[in-house]
Amino acid sequence: MNELLKDKIIAIHQPNFLPWLGYFNKINEVDTFVILDNVQIPRGKSIANRNTIKSAQGKLEIILPISHPKGNEHLSTYNEVLISEQKNKIKILKTIQNSYSKAPHFKEIFPDIELLFTNESFCALNISFIKYLVSYLNISTKILLLSELNIKEQKNNDLIVEICKETNSNCYLSGTGAQKYNNESLFNSHGIILEYQKYEHPIYPQLHGEFISHLSIIDALFNVGFEGVKKLI
């Protein structure tokens, strides 16, 4: 593929809860990153409001319970759902503290995490966390919210194409998990190059024994700090 053809690269993603390293690698690889803050949130179990960390007992799932607006339970968007009970945030922070209090960079970073968790909105908490890391990792990518763009309601590939056009982007960086859903001919017909993220999960020093991959990025943050994470993404 001719690199000169890729004038402006874009990636698009939902505002997931405490994302993994690959999420930030994707942000770091593109010129523009659009957060899908006003698309429908998946019902049931999904990565929207859960992630994994590492405790002394091994891999541990943390879940931030959410509630849906009455009358719109099956069509709620990310920026409409609420954190079901604020006390659940305290439980998660305590779990994080118990798991990482002995990590080299815990005292440096945990107060910032606590502050971010004061957000009462589920979507605001997630977006604040993403923007916080983009800033501290010195990522120069432009971050936009879908709700800020002038785009009529679209779905799936049609929505991606409209976002690319609205942001003047001619290359879309997709996750490999979307390979079976992407309509490459549609992208080609609009002059958009379709590429897939190539990210090999790195190994870094961790607490609590044998290395576990694909955890929330906070695992790497507490263990190797901002400078270490810069090298991992």
C-alpha atoms as a PDB file:
ATOM      1  CA  MET A   1       0.000   0.000   0.000  1.00  0.00           C
ATOM      2  CA  ASN A   2       1.319   3.434  -0.911  1.00  0.00           C
ATOM      3  CA  GLU A   3       1.909   5.334   2.340  1.00  0.00           C
ATOM      4  CA  LEU A   4       1.586   8.633   0.463  1.00  0.00           C
ATOM      5  CA  LEU A   5      -2.082   7.897  -0.210  1.00  0.00           C
ATOM      6  CA  LYS A   6      -2.886   7.891   3.502  1.00  0.00           C
ATOM      7  CA  ASP A   7      -3.163  11.619   4.132  1.00  0.00           C
ATOM      8  CA  LYS A   8      -5.223  11.343   7.310  1.00  0.00           C
ATOM      9  CA  ILE A   9      -5.803   8.214   9.379  1.00  0.00           C
ATOM     10  CA  ILE A  10      -8.745   7.802  11.733  1.00  0.00           C
ATOM     11  CA  ALA A  11      -9.838   5.264  14.339  1.00  0.00           C
ATOM     12  CA  ILE A  12     -13.263   5.052  15.937  1.00  0.00           C
ATOM     13  CA  HIS A  13     -14.255   3.351  19.178  1.00  0.00           C
ATOM     14  CA  GLN A  14     -16.775   3.197  21.997  1.00  0.00           C
ATOM     15  CA  PRO A  15     -15.772   4.803  25.325  1.00  0.00           C
ATOM     16  CA  ASN A  16     -14.973   1.567  27.140  1.00  0.00           C
ATOM     17  CA  PHE A  17     -14.260   1.283  30.859  1.00  0.00           C
ATOM     18  CA  LEU A  18     -10.533   1.423  31.749  1.00  0.00           C
ATOM     19  CA  PRO A  19      -9.404   0.118  28.313  1.00  0.00           C
ATOM     20  CA  TRP A  20      -6.425  -2.135  27.607  1.00  0.00           C
ATOM     21  CA  LEU A  21      -3.054  -1.140  26.103  1.00  0.00           C
ATOM     22  CA  GLY A  22      -4.171  -1.877  22.536  1.00  0.00           C
ATOM     23  CA  TYR A  23      -6.891   0.775  22.773  1.00  0.00           C
ATOM     24  CA  PHE A  24      -4.246   3.431  23.347  1.00  0.00           C
ATOM     25  CA  ASN A  25      -1.942   1.964  20.718  1.00  0.00           C
ATOM     26  CA  LYS A  26      -4.769   2.521  18.251  1.00  0.00           C
ATOM     27  CA  ILE A  27      -5.179   6.137  19.382  1.00  0.00           C
ATOM     28  CA  ASN A  28      -1.427   6.665  19.063  1.00  0.00           C
ATOM     29  CA  GLU A  29      -1.366   5.305  15.499  1.00  0.00           C
ATOM     30  CA  VAL A  30      -3.876   7.740  14.001  1.00  0.00           C
ATOM     31  CA  ASP A  31      -4.397  11.446  13.358  1.00  0.00           C
ATOM     32  CA  THR A  32      -7.977  11.546  14.643  1.00  0.00           C
ATOM     33  CA  PHE A  33      -9.771   9.344  17.154  1.00  0.00           C
ATOM     34  CA  VAL A  34     -13.559   9.550  17.407  1.00  0.00           C
ATOM     35  CA  ILE A  35     -15.275   8.344  20.570  1.00  0.00           C
ATOM     36  CA  LEU A  36     -18.740   6.920  19.907  1.00  0.00           C
ATOM     37  CA  ASP A  37     -20.407   8.544  22.900  1.00  0.00           C
ATOM     38  CA  ASN A  38     -23.953   8.602  21.506  1.00  0.00           C
ATOM     39  CA  VAL A  39     -24.295   5.134  19.974  1.00  0.00           C
ATOM     40  CA  GLN A  40     -26.331   2.367  21.563  1.00  0.00           C
ATOM     41  CA  ILE A  41     -24.605   0.603  24.440  1.00  0.00           C
ATOM     42  CA  PRO A  42     -24.685  -3.223  24.329  1.00  0.00           C
ATOM     43  CA  ARG A  43     -27.176  -4.899  26.619  1.00  0.00           C
ATOM     44  CA  GLY A  44     -26.013  -7.661  28.932  1.00  0.00           C
ATOM     45  CA  LYS A  45     -22.403  -8.646  29.508  1.00  0.00           C
ATOM     46  CA  SER A  46     -19.921  -6.616  27.467  1.00  0.00           C
ATOM     47  CA  ILE A  47     -16.612  -4.780  27.788  1.00  0.00           C
ATOM     48  CA  ALA A  48     -18.484  -1.473  27.903  1.00  0.00           C
ATOM     49  CA  ASN A  49     -18.534  -1.398  31.697  1.00  0.00           C
ATOM     50  CA  ARG A  50     -16.077  -4.092  32.759  1.00  0.00           C
ATOM     51  CA  ASN A  51     -12.416  -4.952  32.532  1.00  0.00           C
ATOM     52  CA  THR A  52      -9.782  -7.099  34.190  1.00  0.00           C
ATOM     53  CA  ILE A  53      -6.899  -6.346  36.528  1.00  0.00           C
ATOM     54  CA  LYS A  54      -4.403  -8.561  38.372  1.00  0.00           C
ATOM     55  CA  SER A  55      -4.693  -9.290  42.071  1.00  0.00           C
ATOM     56  CA  ALA A  56      -2.665 -11.519  44.371  1.00  0.00           C
ATOM     57  CA  GLN A  57      -5.143 -14.279  43.443  1.00  0.00           C
ATOM     58  CA  GLY A  58      -4.663 -13.749  39.707  1.00  0.00           C
ATOM     59  CA  LYS A  59      -6.901 -12.281  37.010  1.00  0.00           C
ATOM     60  CA  LEU A  60      -9.807 -10.336  38.496  1.00  0.00           C
ATOM     61  CA  GLU A  61     -12.815  -8.833  36.719  1.00  0.00           C
ATOM     62  CA  ILE A  62     -14.034  -5.417  37.826  1.00  0.00           C
ATOM     63  CA  ILE A  63     -17.521  -4.296  36.830  1.00  0.00           C
ATOM     64  CA  LEU A  64     -19.064  -0.840  37.079  1.00  0.00           C
ATOM     65  CA  PRO A  65     -22.842  -1.477  37.252  1.00  0.00           C
ATOM     66  CA  ILE A  66     -24.931   0.821  35.071  1.00  0.00           C
ATOM     67  CA  SER A  67     -28.631   1.621  34.855  1.00  0.00           C
ATOM     68  CA  HIS A  68     -30.713   2.623  31.846  1.00  0.00           C
ATOM     69  CA  PRO A  69     -33.190   5.516  31.617  1.00  0.00           C
ATOM     70  CA  LYS A  70     -36.759   4.395  32.218  1.00  0.00           C
ATOM     71  CA  GLY A  71     -38.718   3.921  29.015  1.00  0.00           C
ATOM     72  CA  ASN A  72     -35.559   3.650  26.927  1.00  0.00           C
ATOM     73  CA  GLU A  73     -33.920   0.593  28.454  1.00  0.00           C
ATOM     74  CA  HIS A  74     -33.236  -1.236  25.186  1.00  0.00           C
ATOM     75  CA  LEU A  75     -32.015   1.743  23.163  1.00  0.00           C
ATOM     76  CA  SER A  76     -29.844   3.608  25.676  1.00  0.00           C
ATOM     77  CA  THR A  77     -26.683   5.252  24.380  1.00  0.00           C
ATOM     78  CA  TYR A  78     -23.375   5.484  26.213  1.00  0.00           C
ATOM     79  CA  ASN A  79     -24.003   9.084  27.224  1.00  0.00           C
ATOM     80  CA  GLU A  80     -27.487   8.255  28.548  1.00  0.00           C
ATOM     81  CA  VAL A  81     -26.748   5.381  30.920  1.00  0.00           C
ATOM     82  CA  LEU A  82     -26.004   6.107  34.555  1.00  0.00           C
ATOM     83  CA  ILE A  83     -23.735   4.572  37.155  1.00  0.00           C
ATOM     84  CA  SER A  84     -26.315   2.555  39.062  1.00  0.00           C
ATOM     85  CA  GLU A  85     -24.951   3.314  42.528  1.00  0.00           C
ATOM     86  CA  GLN A  86     -22.086   5.665  43.284  1.00  0.00           C
ATOM     87  CA  LYS A  87     -20.911   3.354  46.090  1.00  0.00           C
ATOM     88  CA  ASN A  88     -19.892   0.836  43.422  1.00  0.00           C
ATOM     89  CA  LYS A  89     -17.116   3.199  42.367  1.00  0.00           C
ATOM     90  CA  ILE A  90     -15.759   3.113  45.919  1.00  0.00           C
ATOM     91  CA  LYS A  91     -15.738  -0.696  45.824  1.00  0.00           C
ATOM     92  CA  ILE A  92     -13.782  -0.696  42.562  1.00  0.00           C
ATOM     93  CA  LEU A  93     -11.251   1.816  43.881  1.00  0.00           C
ATOM     94  CA  LYS A  94     -10.768  -0.327  46.980  1.00  0.00           C
ATOM     95  CA  THR A  95     -10.216  -3.405  44.819  1.00  0.00           C
ATOM     96  CA  ILE A  96      -7.657  -1.519  42.720  1.00  0.00           C
ATOM     97  CA  GLN A  97      -5.920  -0.281  45.869  1.00  0.00           C
ATOM     98  CA  ASN A  98      -5.765  -3.771  47.381  1.00  0.00           C
ATOM     99  CA  SER A  99      -4.327  -5.167  44.136  1.00  0.00           C
ATOM    100  CA  TYR A 100      -1.722  -2.507  43.363  1.00  0.00           C
ATOM    101  CA  SER A 101      -0.781  -0.666  46.568  1.00  0.00           C
ATOM    102  CA  LYS A 102       2.705  -2.226  46.422  1.00  0.00           C
ATOM    103  CA  ALA A 103       3.264  -1.429  42.738  1.00  0.00           C
ATOM    104  CA  PRO A 104       6.157   0.975  41.968  1.00  0.00           C
ATOM    105  CA  HIS A 105       3.963   3.778  40.557  1.00  0.00           C
ATOM    106  CA  PHE A 106       0.830   3.335  42.654  1.00  0.00           C
ATOM    107  CA  LYS A 107       1.319   6.391  44.875  1.00  0.00           C
ATOM    108  CA  GLU A 108       2.020   8.561  41.824  1.00  0.00           C
ATOM    109  CA  ILE A 109      -1.039   7.550  39.783  1.00  0.00           C
ATOM    110  CA  PHE A 110      -3.786   6.316  42.121  1.00  0.00           C
ATOM    111  CA  PRO A 111      -4.806   9.811  43.356  1.00  0.00           C
ATOM    112  CA  ASP A 112      -5.519  10.768  39.732  1.00  0.00           C
ATOM    113  CA  ILE A 113      -7.638   7.634  39.271  1.00  0.00           C
ATOM    114  CA  GLU A 114      -9.584   8.508  42.426  1.00  0.00           C
ATOM    115  CA  LEU A 115     -10.219  12.006  41.069  1.00  0.00           C
ATOM    116  CA  LEU A 116     -11.415  10.675  37.709  1.00  0.00           C
ATOM    117  CA  PHE A 117     -13.837   8.398  39.548  1.00  0.00           C
ATOM    118  CA  THR A 118     -15.613  11.430  41.008  1.00  0.00           C
ATOM    119  CA  ASN A 119     -17.373  11.756  37.633  1.00  0.00           C
ATOM    120  CA  GLU A 120     -21.018  10.859  38.234  1.00  0.00           C
ATOM    121  CA  SER A 121     -21.709  10.059  34.579  1.00  0.00           C
ATOM    122  CA  PHE A 122     -20.616   6.677  33.215  1.00  0.00           C
ATOM    123  CA  CYS A 123     -19.663   8.107  29.841  1.00  0.00           C
ATOM    124  CA  ALA A 124     -17.926  11.146  31.356  1.00  0.00           C
ATOM    125  CA  LEU A 125     -15.845   8.905  33.613  1.00  0.00           C
ATOM    126  CA  ASN A 126     -14.673   6.786  30.685  1.00  0.00           C
ATOM    127  CA  ILE A 127     -13.961   9.729  28.387  1.00  0.00           C
ATOM    128  CA  SER A 128     -12.131  11.595  31.155  1.00  0.00           C
ATOM    129  CA  PHE A 129      -9.924   8.558  31.749  1.00  0.00           C
ATOM    130  CA  ILE A 130      -9.131   8.242  28.036  1.00  0.00           C
ATOM    131  CA  LYS A 131      -8.311  11.944  27.667  1.00  0.00           C
ATOM    132  CA  TYR A 132      -6.246  11.884  30.875  1.00  0.00           C
ATOM    133  CA  LEU A 133      -4.014   9.157  29.474  1.00  0.00           C
ATOM    134  CA  VAL A 134      -3.794  10.727  26.034  1.00  0.00           C
ATOM    135  CA  SER A 135      -2.469  13.854  27.748  1.00  0.00           C
ATOM    136  CA  TYR A 136      -0.027  12.161  30.137  1.00  0.00           C
ATOM    137  CA  LEU A 137       1.280   9.795  27.460  1.00  0.00           C
ATOM    138  CA  ASN A 138       1.938  12.811  25.197  1.00  0.00           C
ATOM    139  CA  ILE A 139      -0.230  11.437  22.400  1.00  0.00           C
ATOM    140  CA  SER A 140      -0.859  14.187  19.836  1.00  0.00           C
ATOM    141  CA  THR A 141      -3.928  12.570  18.242  1.00  0.00           C
ATOM    142  CA  LYS A 142      -7.020  14.772  17.956  1.00  0.00           C
ATOM    143  CA  ILE A 143      -9.851  13.382  20.098  1.00  0.00           C
ATOM    144  CA  LEU A 144     -13.441  14.029  18.992  1.00  0.00           C
ATOM    145  CA  LEU A 145     -16.838  12.907  20.247  1.00  0.00           C
ATOM    146  CA  LEU A 146     -19.391  11.609  17.762  1.00  0.00           C
ATOM    147  CA  SER A 147     -22.007  13.844  19.408  1.00  0.00           C
ATOM    148  CA  GLU A 148     -19.922  16.867  18.382  1.00  0.00           C
ATOM    149  CA  LEU A 149     -19.988  15.961  14.691  1.00  0.00           C
ATOM    150  CA  ASN A 150     -22.674  16.912  12.207  1.00  0.00           C
ATOM    151  CA  ILE A 151     -23.712  13.369  11.317  1.00  0.00           C
ATOM    152  CA  LYS A 152     -27.228  12.084  10.821  1.00  0.00           C
ATOM    153  CA  GLU A 153     -28.119   8.773  12.422  1.00  0.00           C
ATOM    154  CA  GLN A 154     -26.284   5.942  10.697  1.00  0.00           C
ATOM    155  CA  LYS A 155     -25.204   2.443  11.672  1.00  0.00           C
ATOM    156  CA  ASN A 156     -22.221   0.140  11.230  1.00  0.00           C
ATOM    157  CA  ASN A 157     -20.091   0.720   8.119  1.00  0.00           C
ATOM    158  CA  ASP A 158     -22.286   3.577   6.904  1.00  0.00           C
ATOM    159  CA  LEU A 159     -21.604   5.448  10.146  1.00  0.00           C
ATOM    160  CA  ILE A 160     -17.858   4.887   9.822  1.00  0.00           C
ATOM    161  CA  VAL A 161     -17.892   6.192   6.252  1.00  0.00           C
ATOM    162  CA  GLU A 162     -19.799   9.314   7.315  1.00  0.00           C
ATOM    163  CA  ILE A 163     -17.347   9.950  10.158  1.00  0.00           C
ATOM    164  CA  CYS A 164     -14.422   9.590   7.756  1.00  0.00           C
ATOM    165  CA  LYS A 165     -16.012  12.069   5.355  1.00  0.00           C
ATOM    166  CA  GLU A 166     -16.924  14.531   8.118  1.00  0.00           C
ATOM    167  CA  THR A 167     -13.341  14.536   9.449  1.00  0.00           C
ATOM    168  CA  ASN A 168     -11.711  14.501   5.989  1.00  0.00           C
ATOM    169  CA  SER A 169     -10.028  11.184   6.760  1.00  0.00           C
ATOM    170  CA  ASN A 170      -9.107   8.830   3.927  1.00  0.00           C
ATOM    171  CA  CYS A 171      -7.764   5.867   5.902  1.00  0.00           C
ATOM    172  CA  TYR A 172      -9.701   3.958   8.562  1.00  0.00           C
ATOM    173  CA  LEU A 173      -7.758   1.897  11.100  1.00  0.00           C
ATOM    174  CA  SER A 174      -9.993  -0.927  12.304  1.00  0.00           C
ATOM    175  CA  GLY A 175      -9.585  -3.549  14.991  1.00  0.00           C
ATOM    176  CA  THR A 176      -9.054  -7.077  13.695  1.00  0.00           C
ATOM    177  CA  GLY A 177     -12.229  -8.225  15.427  1.00  0.00           C
ATOM    178  CA  ALA A 178     -14.297  -6.241  12.921  1.00  0.00           C
ATOM    179  CA  GLN A 179     -12.785  -7.953   9.885  1.00  0.00           C
ATOM    180  CA  LYS A 180     -15.856 -10.099   9.214  1.00  0.00           C
ATOM    181  CA  TYR A 181     -18.181  -7.082   9.506  1.00  0.00           C
ATOM    182  CA  ASN A 182     -16.286  -4.525   7.436  1.00  0.00           C
ATOM    183  CA  ASN A 183     -17.514  -3.923   3.891  1.00  0.00           C
ATOM    184  CA  GLU A 184     -14.261  -3.156   2.108  1.00  0.00           C
ATOM    185  CA  SER A 185     -15.968  -2.415  -1.209  1.00  0.00           C
ATOM    186  CA  LEU A 186     -18.075   0.273   0.503  1.00  0.00           C
ATOM    187  CA  PHE A 187     -14.962   1.944   1.888  1.00  0.00           C
ATOM    188  CA  ASN A 188     -13.233   1.718  -1.490  1.00  0.00           C
ATOM    189  CA  SER A 189     -16.220   3.291  -3.242  1.00  0.00           C
ATOM    190  CA  HIS A 190     -15.806   6.344  -1.002  1.00  0.00           C
ATOM    191  CA  GLY A 191     -12.037   6.532  -1.485  1.00  0.00           C
ATOM    192  CA  ILE A 192     -11.299   5.280   2.034  1.00  0.00           C
ATOM    193  CA  ILE A 193      -8.395   2.908   2.664  1.00  0.00           C
ATOM    194  CA  LEU A 194      -9.224   0.153   5.148  1.00  0.00           C
ATOM    195  CA  GLU A 195      -6.392  -1.019   7.391  1.00  0.00           C
ATOM    196  CA  TYR A 196      -6.247  -3.259  10.454  1.00  0.00           C
ATOM    197  CA  GLN A 197      -4.433  -2.637  13.693  1.00  0.00           C
ATOM    198  CA  LYS A 198      -1.280  -4.694  14.152  1.00  0.00           C
ATOM    199  CA  TYR A 199      -0.474  -4.779  17.850  1.00  0.00           C
ATOM    200  CA  GLU A 200       1.504  -7.496  19.560  1.00  0.00           C
ATOM    201  CA  HIS A 201       0.881  -7.392  23.294  1.00  0.00           C
ATOM    202  CA  PRO A 202       4.157  -6.626  25.108  1.00  0.00           C
ATOM    203  CA  ILE A 203       5.427  -8.237  28.293  1.00  0.00           C
ATOM    204  CA  TYR A 204       6.325  -5.901  31.166  1.00  0.00           C
ATOM    205  CA  PRO A 205       7.094  -6.292  34.891  1.00  0.00           C
ATOM    206  CA  GLN A 206       3.997  -7.162  36.949  1.00  0.00           C
ATOM    207  CA  LEU A 207       3.183  -7.913  40.550  1.00  0.00           C
ATOM    208  CA  HIS A 208       1.782 -11.259  41.680  1.00  0.00           C
ATOM    209  CA  GLY A 209       3.688 -13.868  39.703  1.00  0.00           C
ATOM    210  CA  GLU A 210       3.385 -15.053  36.113  1.00  0.00           C
ATOM    211  CA  PHE A 211       2.611 -12.409  33.486  1.00  0.00           C
ATOM    212  CA  ILE A 212      -1.012 -11.951  32.402  1.00  0.00           C
ATOM    213  CA  SER A 213      -1.761 -10.037  29.191  1.00  0.00           C
ATOM    214  CA  HIS A 214      -4.743  -8.024  27.963  1.00  0.00           C
ATOM    215  CA  LEU A 215      -5.569  -6.409  31.289  1.00  0.00           C
ATOM    216  CA  SER A 216      -6.751  -2.841  31.764  1.00  0.00           C
ATOM    217  CA  ILE A 217      -3.990  -0.342  31.040  1.00  0.00           C
ATOM    218  CA  ILE A 218      -3.984   0.595  34.733  1.00  0.00           C
ATOM    219  CA  ASP A 219      -2.016  -2.614  35.393  1.00  0.00           C
ATOM    220  CA  ALA A 220       0.838  -1.327  33.237  1.00  0.00           C
ATOM    221  CA  LEU A 221       0.494   2.202  34.622  1.00  0.00           C
ATOM    222  CA  PHE A 222       0.942   1.109  38.225  1.00  0.00           C
ATOM    223  CA  ASN A 223       3.805  -1.249  37.350  1.00  0.00           C
ATOM    224  CA  VAL A 224       5.909   0.744  34.862  1.00  0.00           C
ATOM    225  CA  GLY A 225       4.529   4.306  35.023  1.00  0.00           C
ATOM    226  CA  PHE A 226       3.801   6.758  32.229  1.00  0.00           C
ATOM    227  CA  GLU A 227       7.271   6.559  30.680  1.00  0.00           C
ATOM    228  CA  GLY A 228       7.124   2.777  30.639  1.00  0.00           C
ATOM    229  CA  VAL A 229       3.655   2.725  29.083  1.00  0.00           C
ATOM    230  CA  LYS A 230       4.808   5.082  26.316  1.00  0.00           C
ATOM    231  CA  LYS A 231       7.188   2.323  25.217  1.00  0.00           C
ATOM    232  CA  LEU A 232       4.416  -0.293  25.320  1.00  0.00           C
ATOM    233  CA  ILE A 233       2.030   1.451  22.947  1.00  0.00           C
END
